[in-house]
Amino acid sequence: MEENSSENDLFLAKRRMVVIFPFLLINFFISIVMVISSVIVRDKMSEIRYDYKLKETDFEYDISISECSTLGNNIRKSKIGNITQALNVNEAELKKVYESLDASFTFSVSSFGLISLFLVISICLTYKYARFSDEKIKENPNHTPNNKHYSTKCFNIGKVTILSLFEIFLVTSLFLTISKFDTKLFQNIYDFAEKCVINKDLFRKKYSNCWEIKTPLHLYYIFVILFVIFDIISIILTKLTKKYNVWSLILSLITCKKYKYVEIENGKGFIIPQEKTSTGNDTPDNQIIN
């Protein structure tokens, strides 16, 4: 399987990879949701900011504005344009939100790329080290039970370092988006729909993104947090693989020891008996007697 070295505990390699691989697979699917939700949010925000045009005919024939509202009267007096401009949505804040959402999209795509790379490497290492049974590993003369394995250790250190640095930027971007994007940003639009528009359902249908943007945005928040949480769990459990057979321990704990914990296997490789050779003093009769 591999050349003799001072760091070739194949049981440790197996324990590491059967922990690292599943969490990378989970985060791979989480990153897909992050990309999709961030794309949806960015596109909705772009449409709200640039494409949602108010027209006088909207109010004359389709929607109708009540006379009693100051906000409604201001709309009648103003030059009809984009909904955010007509309803005095803070353009500076809107620009900051759009930029933060653009950054969120970039980080989502980057997370997908990084996880994909690490997942491919982990598939190779899992195939190399985790597919053999414990008995097969013990038969391997290169197996040394010293709780050291260079290849999987380097992979884990590289993964943890790169993803940790990346997640700092990811979480920072998340909090910037949360701090900048608030329902108050579109409060004039919501107030206008509630207080000024007679045909509320039609208005909300025509400008649905102002309301629908919240769901994919919250979905993005949730999955970014899950991405970080699962990575932290993976780091902790991978650290524990030096002393514990992690999945067996977890199964034993959650079933209140109904399933017995399987201790980690540290036995050296089996000694293969050598065929005895005859010596000059051995006679055929002696060999038969022996």
Protein backbone atom coordinates (compact mmCIF):
# COMPACT_ATOMS: atom_id res chain seq x y z
CA MET A 1 0.00 0.00 0.00
CA GLU A 2 2.78 2.43 0.84
CA GLU A 3 6.47 2.38 1.56
CA ASN A 4 7.81 1.86 5.06
CA SER A 5 8.07 5.08 7.05
CA SER A 6 7.89 6.29 10.61
CA GLU A 7 4.43 7.67 10.02
CA ASN A 8 2.26 4.93 8.55
CA ASP A 9 -0.51 4.12 11.02
CA LEU A 10 -3.10 2.94 8.50
CA PHE A 11 -5.80 2.62 11.16
CA LEU A 12 -5.38 6.34 11.97
CA ALA A 13 -5.54 7.19 8.25
CA LYS A 14 -8.77 5.22 7.95
CA ARG A 15 -10.32 6.88 11.03
CA ARG A 16 -9.42 10.34 9.76
CA MET A 17 -10.82 9.88 6.28
CA VAL A 18 -14.13 8.32 7.38
CA VAL A 19 -14.67 11.52 9.41
CA ILE A 20 -13.35 14.11 6.95
CA PHE A 21 -15.09 12.78 3.83
CA PRO A 22 -18.74 12.83 5.05
CA PHE A 23 -18.47 16.40 6.34
CA LEU A 24 -16.90 17.60 3.11
CA LEU A 25 -19.78 15.96 1.25
CA ILE A 26 -22.32 17.72 3.50
CA ASN A 27 -20.63 21.09 3.01
CA PHE A 28 -20.48 20.47 -0.73
CA PHE A 29 -24.30 20.35 -0.87
CA ILE A 30 -24.55 23.30 1.53
CA SER A 31 -22.30 25.35 -0.75
CA ILE A 32 -24.59 24.57 -3.70
CA VAL A 33 -27.55 26.01 -1.77
CA MET A 34 -25.45 29.04 -0.83
CA VAL A 35 -24.62 29.70 -4.50
CA ILE A 36 -28.23 29.30 -5.65
CA SER A 37 -29.71 31.48 -2.88
CA SER A 38 -27.07 34.21 -3.33
CA VAL A 39 -27.73 34.29 -7.08
CA ILE A 40 -31.47 34.64 -6.49
CA VAL A 41 -30.99 37.42 -3.94
CA ARG A 42 -28.53 39.32 -6.14
CA ASP A 43 -30.84 39.10 -9.18
CA LYS A 44 -33.88 40.21 -7.19
CA MET A 45 -31.98 43.15 -5.74
CA SER A 46 -30.75 44.14 -9.19
CA GLU A 47 -34.30 44.08 -10.55
CA ILE A 48 -35.60 46.12 -7.62
CA ARG A 49 -32.84 48.68 -8.00
CA TYR A 50 -32.76 49.06 -11.78
CA ASP A 51 -35.78 47.47 -13.50
CA TYR A 52 -38.81 48.16 -11.32
CA LYS A 53 -40.22 51.19 -13.12
CA LEU A 54 -43.31 52.97 -11.84
CA LYS A 55 -45.62 54.30 -14.52
CA GLU A 56 -48.47 56.79 -14.25
CA THR A 57 -50.75 54.29 -15.94
CA ASP A 58 -50.09 51.84 -13.10
CA PHE A 59 -51.88 54.17 -10.72
CA GLU A 60 -54.52 55.54 -13.07
CA TYR A 61 -55.89 52.20 -14.23
CA ASP A 62 -54.49 49.20 -12.45
CA ILE A 63 -53.49 49.98 -8.89
CA SER A 64 -55.06 53.29 -7.83
CA ILE A 65 -53.66 55.43 -5.03
CA SER A 66 -55.79 56.55 -2.12
CA GLU A 67 -56.16 60.32 -1.75
CA CYS A 68 -55.60 60.40 2.01
CA SER A 69 -51.96 59.40 2.05
CA THR A 70 -49.14 61.93 2.03
CA LEU A 71 -46.87 59.30 0.52
CA GLY A 72 -49.41 58.69 -2.21
CA ASN A 73 -49.73 62.41 -2.96
CA ASN A 74 -45.96 62.71 -3.13
CA ILE A 75 -45.92 59.96 -5.74
CA ARG A 76 -48.48 61.87 -7.84
CA LYS A 77 -46.42 65.05 -7.67
CA SER A 78 -43.05 63.41 -8.32
CA LYS A 79 -41.61 62.36 -11.63
CA ILE A 80 -42.48 58.68 -11.96
CA GLY A 81 -39.36 56.50 -12.19
CA ASN A 82 -37.84 53.49 -10.51
CA ILE A 83 -39.84 52.39 -7.49
CA THR A 84 -36.91 52.86 -5.11
CA GLN A 85 -36.28 56.41 -6.36
CA ALA A 86 -39.96 57.38 -6.37
CA LEU A 87 -40.45 56.13 -2.83
CA ASN A 88 -37.21 57.68 -1.52
CA VAL A 89 -35.44 54.43 -0.65
CA ASN A 90 -31.96 55.38 0.52
CA GLU A 91 -29.85 55.00 -2.63
CA ALA A 92 -26.54 55.01 -0.77
CA GLU A 93 -27.67 52.16 1.49
CA LEU A 94 -29.15 50.35 -1.50
CA LYS A 95 -25.78 50.51 -3.25
CA LYS A 96 -23.97 49.14 -0.18
CA VAL A 97 -26.44 46.29 0.10
CA TYR A 98 -26.04 45.42 -3.56
CA GLU A 99 -22.24 45.42 -3.17
CA SER A 100 -22.41 43.19 -0.09
CA LEU A 101 -24.74 40.78 -1.90
CA ASP A 102 -22.33 40.73 -4.83
CA ALA A 103 -19.53 39.83 -2.40
CA SER A 104 -21.71 37.12 -0.86
CA PHE A 105 -22.20 35.60 -4.29
CA THR A 106 -18.44 35.65 -4.91
CA PHE A 107 -17.72 33.95 -1.58
CA SER A 108 -20.44 31.36 -2.24
CA VAL A 109 -18.89 30.42 -5.58
CA SER A 110 -15.45 30.34 -3.94
CA SER A 111 -16.71 28.05 -1.18
CA PHE A 112 -18.15 25.71 -3.78
CA GLY A 113 -14.81 25.63 -5.63
CA LEU A 114 -12.75 25.01 -2.50
CA ILE A 115 -15.03 22.31 -1.15
CA SER A 116 -15.11 20.61 -4.57
CA LEU A 117 -11.30 20.52 -4.63
CA PHE A 118 -11.01 19.12 -1.11
CA LEU A 119 -13.81 16.65 -1.79
CA VAL A 120 -11.99 15.22 -4.82
CA ILE A 121 -8.78 14.85 -2.80
CA SER A 122 -10.67 13.24 0.09
CA ILE A 123 -12.33 10.74 -2.27
CA CYS A 124 -8.88 9.64 -3.43
CA LEU A 125 -7.52 9.38 0.11
CA THR A 126 -10.64 7.61 1.36
CA TYR A 127 -10.38 5.10 -1.46
CA LYS A 128 -6.70 4.56 -0.67
CA TYR A 129 -6.92 4.22 3.11
CA ALA A 130 -10.51 3.54 4.20
CA ARG A 131 -11.65 0.81 1.82
CA PHE A 132 -9.63 -1.95 3.49
CA SER A 133 -11.03 -3.95 6.40
CA ASP A 134 -9.24 -3.89 9.74
CA GLU A 135 -8.02 -7.43 9.12
CA LYS A 136 -6.47 -6.42 5.80
CA ILE A 137 -4.75 -3.47 7.44
CA LYS A 138 -3.27 -5.70 10.15
CA GLU A 139 -1.89 -8.00 7.48
CA ASN A 140 -0.05 -5.12 5.84
CA PRO A 141 3.62 -5.14 6.89
CA ASN A 142 3.79 -1.35 6.43
CA HIS A 143 1.25 -0.74 9.20
CA THR A 144 2.84 0.70 12.34
CA PRO A 145 0.45 1.55 15.22
CA ASN A 146 2.13 4.81 16.24
CA ASN A 147 -0.80 7.24 15.83
CA LYS A 148 0.99 9.02 12.98
CA HIS A 149 0.11 9.31 9.32
CA TYR A 150 1.82 11.99 7.27
CA SER A 151 -0.40 12.12 4.13
CA THR A 152 -3.75 12.49 5.88
CA LYS A 153 -2.27 14.86 8.48
CA CYS A 154 -0.98 17.22 5.77
CA PHE A 155 -4.32 17.09 3.95
CA ASN A 156 -6.24 17.85 7.14
CA ILE A 157 -3.93 20.73 8.12
CA GLY A 158 -4.20 22.25 4.64
CA LYS A 159 -7.98 21.88 4.60
CA VAL A 160 -8.45 23.37 8.06
CA THR A 161 -6.10 26.30 7.41
CA ILE A 162 -7.52 27.29 4.03
CA LEU A 163 -11.19 26.85 4.97
CA SER A 164 -10.75 28.65 8.31
CA LEU A 165 -9.22 31.70 6.62
CA PHE A 166 -11.93 31.62 3.96
CA GLU A 167 -14.72 31.31 6.54
CA ILE A 168 -13.49 34.45 8.30
CA PHE A 169 -14.18 36.43 5.11
CA LEU A 170 -17.43 34.52 4.52
CA VAL A 171 -18.82 35.27 7.99
CA THR A 172 -17.60 38.89 7.84
CA SER A 173 -19.46 39.34 4.55
CA LEU A 174 -22.53 37.72 6.08
CA PHE A 175 -22.66 40.11 9.02
CA LEU A 176 -22.07 43.10 6.75
CA THR A 177 -25.04 41.99 4.63
CA ILE A 178 -27.22 41.48 7.70
CA SER A 179 -26.25 44.89 9.10
CA LYS A 180 -26.95 46.66 5.81
CA PHE A 181 -30.01 44.77 4.63
CA ASP A 182 -32.94 45.49 6.88
CA THR A 183 -36.68 45.53 6.19
CA LYS A 184 -36.46 49.25 6.99
CA LEU A 185 -34.52 49.68 3.76
CA PHE A 186 -37.74 49.04 1.84
CA GLN A 187 -40.03 50.41 4.54
CA ASN A 188 -41.35 53.21 2.29
CA ILE A 189 -42.30 50.60 -0.33
CA TYR A 190 -44.05 48.47 2.28
CA ASP A 191 -45.82 51.51 3.75
CA PHE A 192 -46.85 52.68 0.30
CA ALA A 193 -48.34 49.25 -0.50
CA GLU A 194 -50.15 49.07 2.83
CA LYS A 195 -51.43 52.64 3.20
CA CYS A 196 -51.70 54.08 -0.30
CA VAL A 197 -52.52 51.33 -2.75
CA ILE A 198 -56.13 50.23 -3.11
CA ASN A 199 -55.42 47.11 -5.16
CA LYS A 200 -52.70 45.74 -2.86
CA ASP A 201 -52.56 42.25 -4.37
CA LEU A 202 -51.92 43.58 -7.86
CA PHE A 203 -49.24 45.97 -6.65
CA ARG A 204 -47.40 43.25 -4.70
CA LYS A 205 -47.61 40.95 -7.70
CA LYS A 206 -46.10 43.57 -10.03
CA TYR A 207 -43.29 44.34 -7.55
CA SER A 208 -43.08 40.93 -5.87
CA ASN A 209 -39.29 40.92 -5.47
CA CYS A 210 -39.56 43.58 -2.76
CA TRP A 211 -41.26 40.95 -0.59
CA GLU A 212 -39.85 37.72 -2.00
CA ILE A 213 -36.21 38.71 -1.54
CA LYS A 214 -36.44 37.98 2.18
CA THR A 215 -36.84 34.20 1.87
CA PRO A 216 -33.73 33.40 -0.23
CA LEU A 217 -31.74 35.94 1.80
CA HIS A 218 -32.63 34.21 5.08
CA LEU A 219 -31.92 30.86 3.42
CA TYR A 220 -28.44 32.14 2.54
CA TYR A 221 -27.89 33.26 6.15
CA ILE A 222 -28.90 29.85 7.50
CA PHE A 223 -26.72 27.83 5.14
CA VAL A 224 -23.63 29.99 5.68
CA ILE A 225 -23.99 29.34 9.42
CA LEU A 226 -24.50 25.61 8.78
CA PHE A 227 -21.41 25.58 6.53
CA VAL A 228 -19.26 26.95 9.37
CA ILE A 229 -20.87 24.74 12.04
CA PHE A 230 -20.32 21.51 10.11
CA ASP A 231 -16.72 22.50 9.40
CA ILE A 232 -16.10 23.12 13.11
CA ILE A 233 -17.65 19.74 13.99
CA SER A 234 -15.45 18.10 11.37
CA ILE A 235 -12.30 19.69 12.88
CA ILE A 236 -13.22 18.55 16.40
CA LEU A 237 -14.08 14.98 15.39
CA THR A 238 -10.97 14.67 13.22
CA LYS A 239 -8.89 15.72 16.21
CA LEU A 240 -10.55 13.00 18.29
CA THR A 241 -9.62 10.28 15.78
CA LYS A 242 -6.18 10.02 17.40
CA LYS A 243 -7.74 8.54 20.53
CA TYR A 244 -11.17 7.31 19.53
CA ASN A 245 -13.03 5.34 16.93
CA VAL A 246 -15.30 8.36 16.46
CA TRP A 247 -18.39 6.95 14.74
CA SER A 248 -18.50 3.94 17.03
CA LEU A 249 -18.21 6.26 20.04
CA ILE A 250 -21.02 8.52 18.79
CA LEU A 251 -23.27 5.54 18.06
CA SER A 252 -22.60 4.15 21.53
CA LEU A 253 -23.36 7.50 23.21
CA ILE A 254 -26.58 8.28 21.33
CA THR A 255 -27.92 4.76 21.95
CA CYS A 256 -26.97 4.88 25.64
CA LYS A 257 -24.36 2.16 25.07
CA LYS A 258 -26.83 -0.21 23.47
CA TYR A 259 -24.21 -0.52 20.75
CA LYS A 260 -20.86 -1.35 22.30
CA TYR A 261 -18.02 1.04 21.61
CA VAL A 262 -15.35 -0.56 19.43
CA GLU A 263 -11.91 0.36 20.68
CA ILE A 264 -9.35 1.66 18.20
CA GLU A 265 -7.21 -1.05 16.62
CA ASN A 266 -3.53 -0.64 17.39
CA GLY A 267 -2.24 -4.17 16.88
CA LYS A 268 0.83 -4.65 14.76
CA GLY A 269 0.63 -6.49 11.49
CA PHE A 270 0.35 -10.25 11.66
CA ILE A 271 3.64 -12.13 11.63
CA ILE A 272 3.68 -14.42 8.64
CA PRO A 273 5.42 -17.69 9.67
CA GLN A 274 8.46 -18.54 7.61
CA GLU A 275 8.82 -21.99 6.07
CA LYS A 276 11.35 -24.09 7.98
CA THR A 277 14.43 -25.09 5.98
CA SER A 278 16.35 -28.29 6.56
CA THR A 279 19.90 -28.18 7.91
CA GLY A 280 22.86 -30.45 7.24
CA ASN A 281 22.25 -32.32 10.54
CA ASP A 282 18.66 -33.06 9.69
CA THR A 283 18.12 -36.46 8.24
CA PRO A 284 14.98 -37.44 6.41
CA ASP A 285 14.08 -39.59 9.40
CA ASN A 286 14.54 -36.69 11.81
CA GLN A 287 12.46 -34.37 9.63
CA ILE A 288 9.64 -36.91 9.62
CA ILE A 289 9.85 -37.32 13.40
CA ASN A 290 9.82 -33.55 13.88
